[in-house]
């Protein structure tokens, strides 16, 4: 199911969710076009990608079946909004698509991965695709051409500890991933040649988080990152009460320094900033709710602004810019 929440007062409260919209079986990911007009939902069991047109209020219309794919798990859209890349688990591969104005997807290219992926991301410039190969404990990069062609893989680096979420700094110089079984974030510098260089922590435990980080978000200003920490034993979706860790980002080296932590709901698995950077939203998969957080842009301070109840096992978050 797809649930839409409308912000009211920007940061302080949320109105009740809209009526849920049916999707295919086991929706695992969602991606929004840069213009905010189309929301794609990836459904793994249904083996399809649906495109929902969004109206001026961000409410979804009737879905268009954009494409079929074998065991799709995640999707990323290039900054120009004309190319998307989908990660599939069986067989493990990346598929690039062109995006039509009505949301229809047309396959462009395919690239093999070393093992089933978990996440895929495209850098803010739109030149590099990064994917996690979870079972192999690897991160792989591919060049992305303007026409959507995928080049041969350039970098394959070890990221033992189950690499989960992927996100870039706004300038695209660094990206980070949450290493679930190592209780820390790993930061990599992205070269113009698509290579990756691991960034050492600013202090011995500077990139450390609480127990089992599953999600990470970078503030639009690029100075801070937030990690969604499940803080309990067990696999994804079975952990206990969680927290959000705040980490400062060194603007020169990209190194992280953990500064504070805020206890929130049960089993947070995904987190995003709203485009203005004054609020963040954490998806609590076990608690089946959404934590609303105030963020102090100057100090990196984080505080709770309440929670909103959601439906059964929410999977991913997408935030739409209200100016669209």
C-alpha atoms as a PDB file:
ATOM      1  CA  UNK A   1       0.000   0.000   0.000  1.00  0.00           C
ATOM      2  CA  UNK A   2       1.040   3.600  -0.641  1.00  0.00           C
ATOM      3  CA  UNK A   3       0.262   6.194   2.031  1.00  0.00           C
ATOM      4  CA  UNK A   4       0.559   9.957   1.552  1.00  0.00           C
ATOM      5  CA  UNK A   5       1.048  12.405   4.425  1.00  0.00           C
ATOM      6  CA  UNK A   6       0.521  16.138   3.968  1.00  0.00           C
ATOM      7  CA  UNK A   7       2.678  18.537   6.042  1.00  0.00           C
ATOM      8  CA  UNK A   8       0.972  21.322   7.958  1.00  0.00           C
ATOM      9  CA  UNK A   9       2.957  24.154   9.470  1.00  0.00           C
ATOM     10  CA  UNK A  10       6.075  22.823   7.720  1.00  0.00           C
ATOM     11  CA  UNK A  11       7.660  21.262  10.799  1.00  0.00           C
ATOM     12  CA  UNK A  12       5.388  21.166  13.794  1.00  0.00           C
ATOM     13  CA  UNK A  13       2.598  18.740  12.944  1.00  0.00           C
ATOM     14  CA  UNK A  14       1.264  16.440  10.271  1.00  0.00           C
ATOM     15  CA  UNK A  15      -2.344  15.998   9.265  1.00  0.00           C
ATOM     16  CA  UNK A  16      -3.829  12.508   9.089  1.00  0.00           C
ATOM     17  CA  UNK A  17      -2.659  10.261   6.242  1.00  0.00           C
ATOM     18  CA  UNK A  18      -4.708  10.207   3.080  1.00  0.00           C
ATOM     19  CA  UNK A  19      -6.563   7.041   2.141  1.00  0.00           C
ATOM     20  CA  UNK A  20      -4.001   4.337   1.264  1.00  0.00           C
ATOM     21  CA  UNK A  21      -3.554   3.508  -2.421  1.00  0.00           C
ATOM     22  CA  UNK A  22      -3.100  -0.104  -3.534  1.00  0.00           C
ATOM     23  CA  UNK A  23       0.215  -1.145  -5.101  1.00  0.00           C
ATOM     24  CA  UNK A  24       1.548  -4.476  -6.296  1.00  0.00           C
ATOM     25  CA  UNK A  25       2.632  -7.160  -3.843  1.00  0.00           C
ATOM     26  CA  UNK A  26       5.526  -6.316  -1.506  1.00  0.00           C
ATOM     27  CA  UNK A  27       6.407  -2.727  -2.344  1.00  0.00           C
ATOM     28  CA  UNK A  28      10.103  -2.381  -1.498  1.00  0.00           C
ATOM     29  CA  UNK A  29      11.079   1.048  -2.788  1.00  0.00           C
ATOM     30  CA  UNK A  30       9.776   4.371  -4.096  1.00  0.00           C
ATOM     31  CA  UNK A  31      11.380   7.103  -6.186  1.00  0.00           C
ATOM     32  CA  UNK A  32      10.158  10.584  -7.076  1.00  0.00           C
ATOM     33  CA  UNK A  33      10.991  12.467 -10.269  1.00  0.00           C
ATOM     34  CA  UNK A  34      12.832  15.771  -9.656  1.00  0.00           C
ATOM     35  CA  UNK A  35       9.816  17.804 -10.808  1.00  0.00           C
ATOM     36  CA  UNK A  36       7.648  16.099  -8.174  1.00  0.00           C
ATOM     37  CA  UNK A  37       5.028  14.998 -10.702  1.00  0.00           C
ATOM     38  CA  UNK A  38       5.515  11.220 -10.781  1.00  0.00           C
ATOM     39  CA  UNK A  39       6.064   8.712  -8.004  1.00  0.00           C
ATOM     40  CA  UNK A  40       7.424   5.278  -8.930  1.00  0.00           C
ATOM     41  CA  UNK A  41       6.785   2.297  -6.656  1.00  0.00           C
ATOM     42  CA  UNK A  42       8.865  -0.878  -6.979  1.00  0.00           C
ATOM     43  CA  UNK A  43       7.007  -4.088  -6.077  1.00  0.00           C
ATOM     44  CA  UNK A  44       9.243  -7.120  -5.751  1.00  0.00           C
ATOM     45  CA  UNK A  45       6.743  -9.995  -5.651  1.00  0.00           C
ATOM     46  CA  UNK A  46       4.529  -8.450  -8.333  1.00  0.00           C
ATOM     47  CA  UNK A  47       7.721  -7.966 -10.403  1.00  0.00           C
ATOM     48  CA  UNK A  48       6.670  -4.563 -11.653  1.00  0.00           C
ATOM     49  CA  UNK A  49       7.245  -0.834 -11.354  1.00  0.00           C
ATOM     50  CA  UNK A  50       4.175   1.385 -11.147  1.00  0.00           C
ATOM     51  CA  UNK A  51       4.088   5.105 -11.888  1.00  0.00           C
ATOM     52  CA  UNK A  52       1.613   7.266  -9.922  1.00  0.00           C
ATOM     53  CA  UNK A  53       0.942  10.776 -11.282  1.00  0.00           C
ATOM     54  CA  UNK A  54       0.817  13.321  -8.447  1.00  0.00           C
ATOM     55  CA  UNK A  55      -1.525  16.317  -8.413  1.00  0.00           C
ATOM     56  CA  UNK A  56      -0.718  19.799  -7.105  1.00  0.00           C
ATOM     57  CA  UNK A  57      -1.279  18.628  -3.534  1.00  0.00           C
ATOM     58  CA  UNK A  58       0.973  15.603  -3.960  1.00  0.00           C
ATOM     59  CA  UNK A  59      -1.916  13.121  -3.995  1.00  0.00           C
ATOM     60  CA  UNK A  60      -1.556  10.117  -6.328  1.00  0.00           C
ATOM     61  CA  UNK A  61      -3.796   9.389  -9.280  1.00  0.00           C
ATOM     62  CA  UNK A  62      -4.335   6.096 -11.084  1.00  0.00           C
ATOM     63  CA  UNK A  63      -1.146   4.101 -11.480  1.00  0.00           C
ATOM     64  CA  UNK A  64       0.390   3.334 -14.849  1.00  0.00           C
ATOM     65  CA  UNK A  65       2.233   0.020 -15.098  1.00  0.00           C
ATOM     66  CA  UNK A  66       5.573   1.384 -16.264  1.00  0.00           C
ATOM     67  CA  UNK A  67       7.654  -1.763 -16.605  1.00  0.00           C
ATOM     68  CA  UNK A  68       8.024  -5.362 -15.539  1.00  0.00           C
ATOM     69  CA  UNK A  69      11.242  -6.604 -13.953  1.00  0.00           C
ATOM     70  CA  UNK A  70      12.385  -9.828 -12.315  1.00  0.00           C
ATOM     71  CA  UNK A  71      12.652  -9.387  -8.542  1.00  0.00           C
ATOM     72  CA  UNK A  72      13.193  -5.582  -8.517  1.00  0.00           C
ATOM     73  CA  UNK A  73      14.301  -4.220  -5.144  1.00  0.00           C
ATOM     74  CA  UNK A  74      15.248  -0.542  -5.542  1.00  0.00           C
ATOM     75  CA  UNK A  75      15.164   2.380  -7.981  1.00  0.00           C
ATOM     76  CA  UNK A  76      17.036   5.651  -8.450  1.00  0.00           C
ATOM     77  CA  UNK A  77      16.279   8.559 -10.801  1.00  0.00           C
ATOM     78  CA  UNK A  78      18.955  10.745 -12.398  1.00  0.00           C
ATOM     79  CA  UNK A  79      18.880  14.502 -11.610  1.00  0.00           C
ATOM     80  CA  UNK A  80      17.459  15.410 -15.021  1.00  0.00           C
ATOM     81  CA  UNK A  81      14.459  13.152 -14.450  1.00  0.00           C
ATOM     82  CA  UNK A  82      14.773  11.405 -17.815  1.00  0.00           C
ATOM     83  CA  UNK A  83      16.704   8.276 -16.796  1.00  0.00           C
ATOM     84  CA  UNK A  84      16.100   5.724 -14.019  1.00  0.00           C
ATOM     85  CA  UNK A  85      18.131   2.758 -12.808  1.00  0.00           C
ATOM     86  CA  UNK A  86      16.496  -0.275 -11.197  1.00  0.00           C
ATOM     87  CA  UNK A  87      18.323  -2.862  -9.087  1.00  0.00           C
ATOM     88  CA  UNK A  88      17.060  -6.461  -9.335  1.00  0.00           C
ATOM     89  CA  UNK A  89      18.002  -9.404  -7.130  1.00  0.00           C
ATOM     90  CA  UNK A  90      17.400 -12.480  -9.273  1.00  0.00           C
ATOM     91  CA  UNK A  91      19.410 -12.358 -11.407  1.00  0.00           C
ATOM     92  CA  UNK A  92      21.517  -9.627  -9.732  1.00  0.00           C
ATOM     93  CA  UNK A  93      21.690  -6.732 -12.162  1.00  0.00           C
ATOM     94  CA  UNK A  94      21.065  -3.072 -12.859  1.00  0.00           C
ATOM     95  CA  UNK A  95      18.703  -1.960 -15.624  1.00  0.00           C
ATOM     96  CA  UNK A  96      18.541   1.580 -16.944  1.00  0.00           C
ATOM     97  CA  UNK A  97      15.336   3.044 -18.396  1.00  0.00           C
ATOM     98  CA  UNK A  98      14.232   6.192 -20.134  1.00  0.00           C
ATOM     99  CA  UNK A  99      11.290   7.957 -18.479  1.00  0.00           C
ATOM    100  CA  UNK A 100       8.448   9.237 -20.670  1.00  0.00           C
ATOM    101  CA  UNK A 101       6.279  12.210 -19.699  1.00  0.00           C
ATOM    102  CA  UNK A 102       3.471   9.845 -18.610  1.00  0.00           C
ATOM    103  CA  UNK A 103       5.813   7.774 -16.449  1.00  0.00           C
ATOM    104  CA  UNK A 104       6.245   4.899 -18.898  1.00  0.00           C
ATOM    105  CA  UNK A 105       9.676   3.235 -18.742  1.00  0.00           C
ATOM    106  CA  UNK A 106      11.635   1.970 -21.742  1.00  0.00           C
ATOM    107  CA  UNK A 107      14.646  -0.261 -21.168  1.00  0.00           C
ATOM    108  CA  UNK A 108      18.005   1.135 -22.275  1.00  0.00           C
ATOM    109  CA  UNK A 109      20.797  -1.035 -20.869  1.00  0.00           C
ATOM    110  CA  UNK A 110      21.701  -3.829 -18.411  1.00  0.00           C
ATOM    111  CA  UNK A 111      24.745  -4.358 -16.177  1.00  0.00           C
ATOM    112  CA  UNK A 112      25.507  -7.427 -14.059  1.00  0.00           C
ATOM    113  CA  UNK A 113      26.219  -7.235 -10.315  1.00  0.00           C
ATOM    114  CA  UNK A 114      28.424  -9.633  -8.285  1.00  0.00           C
ATOM    115  CA  UNK A 115      25.586 -10.578  -5.914  1.00  0.00           C
ATOM    116  CA  UNK A 116      21.984  -9.551  -5.135  1.00  0.00           C
ATOM    117  CA  UNK A 117      21.770  -5.809  -4.480  1.00  0.00           C
ATOM    118  CA  UNK A 118      20.116  -3.953  -1.629  1.00  0.00           C
ATOM    119  CA  UNK A 119      20.172  -0.319  -2.726  1.00  0.00           C
ATOM    120  CA  UNK A 120      21.076   1.763  -5.763  1.00  0.00           C
ATOM    121  CA  UNK A 121      21.805   5.496  -5.974  1.00  0.00           C
ATOM    122  CA  UNK A 122      22.848   8.058  -8.599  1.00  0.00           C
ATOM    123  CA  UNK A 123      25.204  10.897  -7.705  1.00  0.00           C
ATOM    124  CA  UNK A 124      23.815  14.491  -7.743  1.00  0.00           C
ATOM    125  CA  UNK A 125      25.557  15.237 -11.046  1.00  0.00           C
ATOM    126  CA  UNK A 126      24.099  12.144 -12.723  1.00  0.00           C
ATOM    127  CA  UNK A 127      27.397  10.604 -13.856  1.00  0.00           C
ATOM    128  CA  UNK A 128      27.826   7.653 -11.489  1.00  0.00           C
ATOM    129  CA  UNK A 129      25.601   4.790 -10.343  1.00  0.00           C
ATOM    130  CA  UNK A 130      26.429   3.188  -6.983  1.00  0.00           C
ATOM    131  CA  UNK A 131      24.937  -0.133  -5.858  1.00  0.00           C
ATOM    132  CA  UNK A 132      25.355  -2.322  -2.787  1.00  0.00           C
ATOM    133  CA  UNK A 133      25.924  -6.035  -3.270  1.00  0.00           C
ATOM    134  CA  UNK A 134      24.765  -7.107   0.181  1.00  0.00           C
ATOM    135  CA  UNK A 135      25.676 -10.805   0.391  1.00  0.00           C
ATOM    136  CA  UNK A 136      29.102 -10.135  -1.140  1.00  0.00           C
ATOM    137  CA  UNK A 137      29.657  -7.178   1.191  1.00  0.00           C
ATOM    138  CA  UNK A 138      30.611  -4.949  -1.720  1.00  0.00           C
ATOM    139  CA  UNK A 139      29.850  -1.548  -3.225  1.00  0.00           C
ATOM    140  CA  UNK A 140      30.045  -1.235  -7.008  1.00  0.00           C
ATOM    141  CA  UNK A 141      30.152   1.854  -9.257  1.00  0.00           C
ATOM    142  CA  UNK A 142      29.174   2.216 -12.913  1.00  0.00           C
ATOM    143  CA  UNK A 143      29.460   5.198 -15.270  1.00  0.00           C
ATOM    144  CA  UNK A 144      26.071   6.553 -16.397  1.00  0.00           C
ATOM    145  CA  UNK A 145      25.970   8.224 -19.789  1.00  0.00           C
ATOM    146  CA  UNK A 146      23.565  11.046 -20.670  1.00  0.00           C
ATOM    147  CA  UNK A 147      21.566   8.668 -22.870  1.00  0.00           C
ATOM    148  CA  UNK A 148      21.205   6.170 -20.014  1.00  0.00           C
ATOM    149  CA  UNK A 149      23.842   3.677 -21.144  1.00  0.00           C
ATOM    150  CA  UNK A 150      25.683   1.925 -18.302  1.00  0.00           C
ATOM    151  CA  UNK A 151      29.439   1.601 -18.658  1.00  0.00           C
ATOM    152  CA  UNK A 152      31.508  -1.295 -17.339  1.00  0.00           C
ATOM    153  CA  UNK A 153      31.900  -1.377 -13.559  1.00  0.00           C
ATOM    154  CA  UNK A 154      34.811   0.794 -12.452  1.00  0.00           C
ATOM    155  CA  UNK A 155      35.145   0.250  -8.716  1.00  0.00           C
ATOM    156  CA  UNK A 156      34.276  -2.706  -6.506  1.00  0.00           C
ATOM    157  CA  UNK A 157      35.182  -2.107  -2.865  1.00  0.00           C
ATOM    158  CA  UNK A 158      34.720  -4.278   0.182  1.00  0.00           C
ATOM    159  CA  UNK A 159      32.072  -3.048   2.622  1.00  0.00           C
ATOM    160  CA  UNK A 160      31.739  -5.925   5.069  1.00  0.00           C
ATOM    161  CA  UNK A 161      29.041  -5.463   7.662  1.00  0.00           C
ATOM    162  CA  UNK A 162      25.967  -5.555   5.381  1.00  0.00           C
ATOM    163  CA  UNK A 163      25.883  -2.201   3.537  1.00  0.00           C
ATOM    164  CA  UNK A 164      22.337  -0.838   3.683  1.00  0.00           C
ATOM    165  CA  UNK A 165      21.282   2.708   2.790  1.00  0.00           C
ATOM    166  CA  UNK A 166      23.175   4.849   0.280  1.00  0.00           C
ATOM    167  CA  UNK A 167      23.217   8.641   0.141  1.00  0.00           C
ATOM    168  CA  UNK A 168      25.404  11.406  -1.287  1.00  0.00           C
ATOM    169  CA  UNK A 169      26.471  14.758   0.048  1.00  0.00           C
ATOM    170  CA  UNK A 170      24.803  17.568  -1.951  1.00  0.00           C
ATOM    171  CA  UNK A 171      28.003  18.362  -3.872  1.00  0.00           C
ATOM    172  CA  UNK A 172      28.465  14.708  -4.858  1.00  0.00           C
ATOM    173  CA  UNK A 173      32.036  14.515  -3.520  1.00  0.00           C
ATOM    174  CA  UNK A 174      31.204  11.915  -0.877  1.00  0.00           C
ATOM    175  CA  UNK A 175      28.648   9.211  -0.295  1.00  0.00           C
ATOM    176  CA  UNK A 176      27.946   7.124   2.776  1.00  0.00           C
ATOM    177  CA  UNK A 177      26.397   3.800   3.585  1.00  0.00           C
ATOM    178  CA  UNK A 178      25.112   2.291   6.822  1.00  0.00           C
ATOM    179  CA  UNK A 179      27.022  -0.888   7.786  1.00  0.00           C
ATOM    180  CA  UNK A 180      24.385  -2.747   9.763  1.00  0.00           C
ATOM    181  CA  UNK A 181      26.591  -5.400  11.359  1.00  0.00           C
ATOM    182  CA  UNK A 182      29.475  -3.045  12.164  1.00  0.00           C
ATOM    183  CA  UNK A 183      27.362  -0.381  13.880  1.00  0.00           C
ATOM    184  CA  UNK A 184      28.854   2.493  11.927  1.00  0.00           C
ATOM    185  CA  UNK A 185      28.655   4.515   8.743  1.00  0.00           C
ATOM    186  CA  UNK A 186      31.247   4.179   6.003  1.00  0.00           C
ATOM    187  CA  UNK A 187      32.125   7.273   3.942  1.00  0.00           C
ATOM    188  CA  UNK A 188      33.710   7.154   0.502  1.00  0.00           C
ATOM    189  CA  UNK A 189      35.145   9.904  -1.688  1.00  0.00           C
ATOM    190  CA  UNK A 190      33.848   9.614  -5.256  1.00  0.00           C
ATOM    191  CA  UNK A 191      36.412  10.405  -7.931  1.00  0.00           C
ATOM    192  CA  UNK A 192      35.657  11.978 -11.292  1.00  0.00           C
ATOM    193  CA  UNK A 193      36.697   8.619 -12.765  1.00  0.00           C
ATOM    194  CA  UNK A 194      33.989   6.844 -10.678  1.00  0.00           C
ATOM    195  CA  UNK A 195      36.554   5.375  -8.270  1.00  0.00           C
ATOM    196  CA  UNK A 196      35.956   5.111  -4.515  1.00  0.00           C
ATOM    197  CA  UNK A 197      38.311   5.979  -1.662  1.00  0.00           C
ATOM    198  CA  UNK A 198      37.390   5.084   1.910  1.00  0.00           C
ATOM    199  CA  UNK A 199      37.430   8.107   4.229  1.00  0.00           C
ATOM    200  CA  UNK A 200      38.876   7.352   7.698  1.00  0.00           C
ATOM    201  CA  UNK A 201      36.882   8.634  10.699  1.00  0.00           C
ATOM    202  CA  UNK A 202      37.867  11.961  12.239  1.00  0.00           C
ATOM    203  CA  UNK A 203      38.297  10.167  15.585  1.00  0.00           C
ATOM    204  CA  UNK A 204      38.674   6.508  16.496  1.00  0.00           C
ATOM    205  CA  UNK A 205      34.902   6.038  16.752  1.00  0.00           C
ATOM    206  CA  UNK A 206      33.811   9.088  14.789  1.00  0.00           C
ATOM    207  CA  UNK A 207      31.679   7.099  12.346  1.00  0.00           C
ATOM    208  CA  UNK A 208      30.252   4.815  15.032  1.00  0.00           C
ATOM    209  CA  UNK A 209      26.499   4.689  15.561  1.00  0.00           C
ATOM    210  CA  UNK A 210      24.175   2.815  17.860  1.00  0.00           C
ATOM    211  CA  UNK A 211      23.249  -0.819  17.272  1.00  0.00           C
ATOM    212  CA  UNK A 212      22.348  -1.832  13.683  1.00  0.00           C
ATOM    213  CA  UNK A 213      22.089   1.338  11.564  1.00  0.00           C
ATOM    214  CA  UNK A 214      19.698   0.830   8.643  1.00  0.00           C
ATOM    215  CA  UNK A 215      19.146   4.296   7.162  1.00  0.00           C
ATOM    216  CA  UNK A 216      21.172   7.457   6.592  1.00  0.00           C
ATOM    217  CA  UNK A 217      20.316  10.954   5.343  1.00  0.00           C
ATOM    218  CA  UNK A 218      22.503  13.977   4.608  1.00  0.00           C
ATOM    219  CA  UNK A 219      21.237  17.479   5.389  1.00  0.00           C
ATOM    220  CA  UNK A 220      20.689  19.689   2.301  1.00  0.00           C
ATOM    221  CA  UNK A 221      23.388  22.026   3.630  1.00  0.00           C
ATOM    222  CA  UNK A 222      25.909  19.186   3.666  1.00  0.00           C
ATOM    223  CA  UNK A 223      27.165  19.740   7.234  1.00  0.00           C
ATOM    224  CA  UNK A 224      25.308  16.957   9.055  1.00  0.00           C
ATOM    225  CA  UNK A 225      24.077  13.397   8.568  1.00  0.00           C
ATOM    226  CA  UNK A 226      21.419  11.424  10.424  1.00  0.00           C
ATOM    227  CA  UNK A 227      21.562   7.655  10.970  1.00  0.00           C
ATOM    228  CA  UNK A 228      18.438   5.591  11.719  1.00  0.00           C
ATOM    229  CA  UNK A 229      19.557   3.055  14.318  1.00  0.00           C
ATOM    230  CA  UNK A 230      17.368   0.041  15.070  1.00  0.00           C
ATOM    231  CA  UNK A 231      19.107  -0.506  18.456  1.00  0.00           C
ATOM    232  CA  UNK A 232      18.055  -4.094  19.011  1.00  0.00           C
ATOM    233  CA  UNK A 233      18.870  -7.683  18.200  1.00  0.00           C
ATOM    234  CA  UNK A 234      17.331  -9.514  15.277  1.00  0.00           C
ATOM    235  CA  UNK A 235      16.937  -9.035  11.566  1.00  0.00           C
ATOM    236  CA  UNK A 236      15.457  -6.059   9.763  1.00  0.00           C
ATOM    237  CA  UNK A 237      11.920  -5.414  10.929  1.00  0.00           C
ATOM    238  CA  UNK A 238      12.238  -7.352  14.204  1.00  0.00           C
ATOM    239  CA  UNK A 239      14.412  -4.998  16.240  1.00  0.00           C
ATOM    240  CA  UNK A 240      13.316  -2.955  19.233  1.00  0.00           C
ATOM    241  CA  UNK A 241      13.203   0.699  20.190  1.00  0.00           C
ATOM    242  CA  UNK A 242      15.528   2.849  18.137  1.00  0.00           C
ATOM    243  CA  UNK A 243      17.279   6.180  17.895  1.00  0.00           C
ATOM    244  CA  UNK A 244      18.505   8.776  15.439  1.00  0.00           C
ATOM    245  CA  UNK A 245      22.203   9.608  15.649  1.00  0.00           C
ATOM    246  CA  UNK A 246      23.477  13.026  14.531  1.00  0.00           C
ATOM    247  CA  UNK A 247      26.908  13.112  12.871  1.00  0.00           C
ATOM    248  CA  UNK A 248      28.857  16.189  11.777  1.00  0.00           C
ATOM    249  CA  UNK A 249      30.507  16.013   8.333  1.00  0.00           C
ATOM    250  CA  UNK A 250      33.966  17.501   7.796  1.00  0.00           C
ATOM    251  CA  UNK A 251      33.526  19.634   4.633  1.00  0.00           C
ATOM    252  CA  UNK A 252      37.088  18.953   3.463  1.00  0.00           C
ATOM    253  CA  UNK A 253      37.688  15.281   4.210  1.00  0.00           C
ATOM    254  CA  UNK A 254      34.126  13.988   4.541  1.00  0.00           C
ATOM    255  CA  UNK A 255      34.966  12.377   7.894  1.00  0.00           C
ATOM    256  CA  UNK A 256      32.152  11.950  10.420  1.00  0.00           C
ATOM    257  CA  UNK A 257      31.991  12.856  14.093  1.00  0.00           C
ATOM    258  CA  UNK A 258      29.023  11.618  16.116  1.00  0.00           C
ATOM    259  CA  UNK A 259      27.579  14.458  18.190  1.00  0.00           C
ATOM    260  CA  UNK A 260      24.255  13.359  19.709  1.00  0.00           C
ATOM    261  CA  UNK A 261      21.473  10.772  19.689  1.00  0.00           C
ATOM    262  CA  UNK A 262      17.686  10.972  20.078  1.00  0.00           C
ATOM    263  CA  UNK A 263      15.532   8.006  21.132  1.00  0.00           C
ATOM    264  CA  UNK A 264      12.453   7.594  18.909  1.00  0.00           C
ATOM    265  CA  UNK A 265      10.072   4.775  17.906  1.00  0.00           C
ATOM    266  CA  UNK A 266      10.446   1.048  17.335  1.00  0.00           C
ATOM    267  CA  UNK A 267      12.834  -0.206  14.675  1.00  0.00           C
ATOM    268  CA  UNK A 268      13.601   2.872  12.529  1.00  0.00           C
ATOM    269  CA  UNK A 269      14.645   1.714   9.063  1.00  0.00           C
ATOM    270  CA  UNK A 270      14.633   4.797   6.836  1.00  0.00           C
ATOM    271  CA  UNK A 271      15.112   8.548   7.309  1.00  0.00           C
ATOM    272  CA  UNK A 272      14.912  11.669   5.121  1.00  0.00           C
ATOM    273  CA  UNK A 273      15.204  15.425   5.490  1.00  0.00           C
ATOM    274  CA  UNK A 274      12.502  17.665   4.094  1.00  0.00           C
ATOM    275  CA  UNK A 275      13.954  19.834   1.288  1.00  0.00           C
ATOM    276  CA  UNK A 276      14.303  22.936   3.486  1.00  0.00           C
ATOM    277  CA  UNK A 277      16.333  21.015   6.049  1.00  0.00           C
ATOM    278  CA  UNK A 278      14.329  22.183   9.095  1.00  0.00           C
ATOM    279  CA  UNK A 279      12.683  18.807   9.676  1.00  0.00           C
ATOM    280  CA  UNK A 280      13.414  15.117   9.212  1.00  0.00           C
ATOM    281  CA  UNK A 281      11.153  12.090   9.059  1.00  0.00           C
ATOM    282  CA  UNK A 282      12.077   8.630  10.366  1.00  0.00           C
ATOM    283  CA  UNK A 283      10.151   5.546   9.295  1.00  0.00           C
ATOM    284  CA  UNK A 284       9.706   3.127  12.203  1.00  0.00           C
ATOM    285  CA  UNK A 285       9.010  -0.212  10.536  1.00  0.00           C
ATOM    286  CA  UNK A 286       8.395  -2.183  13.721  1.00  0.00           C
ATOM    287  CA  UNK A 287       6.304   0.540  15.371  1.00  0.00           C
ATOM    288  CA  UNK A 288       4.499   1.143  12.051  1.00  0.00           C
ATOM    289  CA  UNK A 289       4.626   4.889  12.469  1.00  0.00           C
ATOM    290  CA  UNK A 290       6.529   7.954  11.289  1.00  0.00           C
ATOM    291  CA  UNK A 291       8.595  10.063  13.702  1.00  0.00           C
ATOM    292  CA  UNK A 292       8.587  13.797  12.913  1.00  0.00           C
ATOM    293  CA  UNK A 293      11.786  15.557  13.990  1.00  0.00           C
ATOM    294  CA  UNK A 294      12.783  19.217  14.250  1.00  0.00           C
ATOM    295  CA  UNK A 295      16.327  19.990  13.136  1.00  0.00           C
ATOM    296  CA  UNK A 296      18.425  23.021  14.133  1.00  0.00           C
ATOM    297  CA  UNK A 297      20.404  23.928  11.008  1.00  0.00           C
ATOM    298  CA  UNK A 298      22.975  25.966  12.974  1.00  0.00           C
ATOM    299  CA  UNK A 299      23.807  23.481  15.734  1.00  0.00           C
ATOM    300  CA  UNK A 300      22.647  20.114  14.429  1.00  0.00           C
ATOM    301  CA  UNK A 301      20.258  19.803  17.342  1.00  0.00           C
ATOM    302  CA  UNK A 302      17.467  17.262  16.940  1.00  0.00           C
ATOM    303  CA  UNK A 303      14.147  17.120  18.810  1.00  0.00           C
ATOM    304  CA  UNK A 304      10.864  15.252  18.519  1.00  0.00           C
ATOM    305  CA  UNK A 305       7.741  16.850  16.998  1.00  0.00           C
ATOM    306  CA  UNK A 306       5.471  13.818  17.386  1.00  0.00           C
ATOM    307  CA  UNK A 307       4.569  10.748  15.358  1.00  0.00           C
ATOM    308  CA  UNK A 308       1.975   9.632  12.814  1.00  0.00           C
ATOM    309  CA  UNK A 309       0.514   6.118  12.670  1.00  0.00           C
ATOM    310  CA  UNK A 310       0.987   4.261   9.383  1.00  0.00           C
ATOM    311  CA  UNK A 311      -0.177   0.966   7.896  1.00  0.00           C
ATOM    312  CA  UNK A 312       1.349  -2.491   7.916  1.00  0.00           C
ATOM    313  CA  UNK A 313       5.158  -2.681   7.633  1.00  0.00           C
ATOM    314  CA  UNK A 314       6.019   0.608   5.877  1.00  0.00           C
ATOM    315  CA  UNK A 315       9.100   0.154   3.685  1.00  0.00           C
ATOM    316  CA  UNK A 316      10.487   3.420   2.288  1.00  0.00           C
ATOM    317  CA  UNK A 317      10.166   7.186   2.574  1.00  0.00           C
ATOM    318  CA  UNK A 318       9.926   9.789  -0.192  1.00  0.00           C
ATOM    319  CA  UNK A 319       9.597  13.521   0.482  1.00  0.00           C
ATOM    320  CA  UNK A 320       8.174  15.879  -2.143  1.00  0.00           C
ATOM    321  CA  UNK A 321       9.253  19.533  -2.332  1.00  0.00           C
ATOM    322  CA  UNK A 322       6.162  21.626  -1.589  1.00  0.00           C
ATOM    323  CA  UNK A 323       7.324  24.181  -4.188  1.00  0.00           C
ATOM    324  CA  UNK A 324       6.630  21.675  -6.975  1.00  0.00           C
END
